């Protein structure tokens, strides 16, 4: 292998793995939405991009954006030379937004969502919260920006993410329960402040909370002007030729102490703060509780069946396996049945007859949009049905007669209660809210046509009792407090609810006849109320059945990594206490910037200076470019580099990588350029190349081909039989290439293989893929569940000068089956058949070597080779028909080998498997002339982290099955492959 070949392979690898496009709406949701007509509303400092149907949203965003600009510009000493781009979309019901530093920077935000009211707290509406937060990120990026652009991040350090998010929260939000207090408190009391330890699903919330607290503490200790100085500090780089921002260096220079010293000071003070609080509040041990044994580590909802014989539990299994499942527990037998899974939103509702459960789950709707819809499933997990389509629903609750189902539906950002009649399937709206109103926690009265729910409007949060017959509503809580999740008592005379007034959830009870409130818990870690159950034999405290035996079903954060579920007497009253912490340890919680962004702002269309259609091409944005000299030999030296451009909606993305050889620019220069278009429902790609590529083991050497030509690809995701964690797509690839294998003379003594052949090829590949891949941290080497089916047809014709003509069919499938504990049985099968003749290097058969699969960052995994190998054999078998099968019994050995070298190389999850591989190769219909191979052995697979890339590699021993038990034919092998075949 020449230096040129190695260099070109690495160069092409860089081009393949370059991220296909920057983060955009479509990369998050997997859909392009060509039906949207995008418009632009320009203000003094912003261009607000939005769908035409949301013209009014610009009038809402404009005053928020301009007020944020004025405030942050003065506070952080930052201005922009160009208008900042803000993209707003309501196509998907997602509570999210993000900021991207390319160019001047831009932000994408989902609007008109209802669920934000459950995830956030405080007096500000969603658009004010998220827009101010994301714009703070852009101001931060601009403050630390230098002439080196994104490359400065490689030479400096910028801000760590924990402080990036903390700065945005400090400038744009308040310190409150959902954005800091409850998550930081639990971590401090656990002495587990690390948000990157992989122990908890709530590490994300802890990262935000930790950063939020640190920035507030910094401002309280050192002042806001010092925080601004920290942002603007730069140091020399590249021998003084450039400037970069480095967080650690800036911290030392502006504060006079290292960040590590500051962190220790902050850690000590928050420990004093929270442990002082803990000494004055209740703990779980102090309550008279009945602990519940529920599946999963994170409890999201609990609901008893009407006869209390069963409990529905909505939970997430673990931080490693964050699948969300709805379980039903039979209380008499302890049997647990999984009845549904996916992105199910609490709360879930039992039908009065106890035979089925209604819930709201995120799914696909029109144009592939992500939306929550109503589903119902039998209590035994059978007969799941979808009741609505694209209604953006939440909080279903059955009426006492079981003939009606109430739920919340959101349209254009406004939530209303709807009632569905079971017999006809028709729905009617029963509330008539206007503007930006959200509803959460809907529950029907146990005997009357009265609803209770939490309503959020104009910055006020209050619990409301609504009469379905008269349409009258009455607020029963103070809007200054943050109350949610009303739960009716069995007799309907009281409402239990969860309040976040303490910074953590705690249980309260409202008595309707007396119009009084009672605190039920004052737990330091909090308690969320899920249900109010009547008297039953399992919770009877004395012989006399009375209201004293009724119970509140609650959950709490036991540790950072686990929730607990328990029942407390419904008539309990928490002891009176007014906890206090000395000011020096508590003042950071109320510290705020010298200038604050208004919490509420009215729409102001006068701020819009112009409106126009959106032009995607004119918004093409430079991401990064780099060019460096290279030297291979006296006859081959020059410049190598790449460039990347993208449009914020993802409609256009351009990447190019290559090298220019000065001595022989025509023969030794190489390049690959790709263009991605997402203006239609399918994603279209065009790639042109003239480079060394297609590296694979051929014979005993690495075969690399010079390829000149191009690909035209199309990939279309399908919303066919939508299921949780299941994806379906069809794709096509049209390719024309002039192939020239390098060093063809080196490929001799190939056994059944023929020497690689040069020539031209015009081919078309069609593919259908459907697979289920639930999230699991260790799926690279040990998936716990999943299945897949891939149908592929590839054909080449002697057109446009093509030298081959063939048609190849390829069917593959896999399934991961449960076994004892975390053990799994993995099955994989593949069948290939070809007519006609392909190039020798593109053979059909069994290989001597394993294919290499590298799940590198990028749009597609990088693979070397495509043929299967029967482990235990080391020879090529050729034909035009191949059947291959594999069965592996996989057993986890260790979650980590605890090997880490300078943070660059680490050995992670490790499994041991026993396997059997089988393959058969034959020609046409002549099965009797086929060659069969059957191998068996054992393999240790490990997740390797190499320079930030996770790779599945394995060491194994195998031999032909016929020689099992002997020392003959034993082969030791090493391979790099993922556990999922595709």
Foldseek 3Di string as FASTA:
>chain_A
DAPLQVVQAVQVVCQFQDFQFDDFPCVVQVWQPLVFFWKWFDFPAATEIEGPVVPQVCLVLLVLLVLLQVQCCVLLVDDDPHHEYEYEYQLAQDLDKAWDAFDLIYIYGYDLHFCVLVLDDFQFDSSSQHVSLRVQLSRLSRLFDWPQGPCLCVFAPRDDVLQSLLRSCQFRHAQFQNQAQLLCLQCLVQVHLDLPPLFAPCSVSSSRRVNVLLVLLCCVVPNSVLVSQLSNDWDADPVNPIIGRHNQVSCCVSPVDGVVVSVVVLSVLVSQVSVLLQVFFDAPVVFPWFFDDDAAFAWQFWDAALVNQKIWTWYAHFSQFRWTWIWIAGNVVRDIATQATAAWHDDKEAQNVRFKIKTWHWFAAPSRHTAIFIWMTTNRNPDIDTLDGRFRWGDWEAELVSQKIWIWGTDSQAIFIKIAGNVPSDIDTQADDDDHKHWDQWYAQNHAQKIWIWMRDSSFIFIWIAHSVPRDIDTLDGRVWHKGNWEAANVRQKTWIWTRRVSATFIKMAGNVVSDIAGQGGHSSYKGFHYKAAADPVQDPDDDGDLQSIWTWIKTDPHSTGIIIIIHGPPHGGDDGDRDDDCVSPVSSVRHRPDHRDSDDDRHSVSRPDMGGDDQVVQKTWDDKDKDWDDSDPQFTFIWIKTWIAGNNRQKIKIKTWTATDNCRPPSTWMKIKIWGSSDRKIKMKMFIQTWDQWAQAQNDTKIKGKGWMKIKIKHWDSDPIGHQKTKIKMKIWIKIFIGIPPQVVDPPRVPFDGFDTFIWTKMKIKIKMKGQRRGNPQQAQGQWMKMKMWMKMFIDCPPNGDWTKIKIKIKMKTWADDPDSKIKIKIKMKMAMDTDDTRVVFDWAAQDAKAWFCRNYDDIDIRDDHHHFPLDRHTDGEGIKIKMKIKTKAWDAQAPPDQDVNAKGKGTKIKIKMKIKMKHYYDPPRVPIDIFIKIWMKMWIFMHHRNGTWIKIWIWMHTPVQPPHPPSIDIDIHTGGPDPD
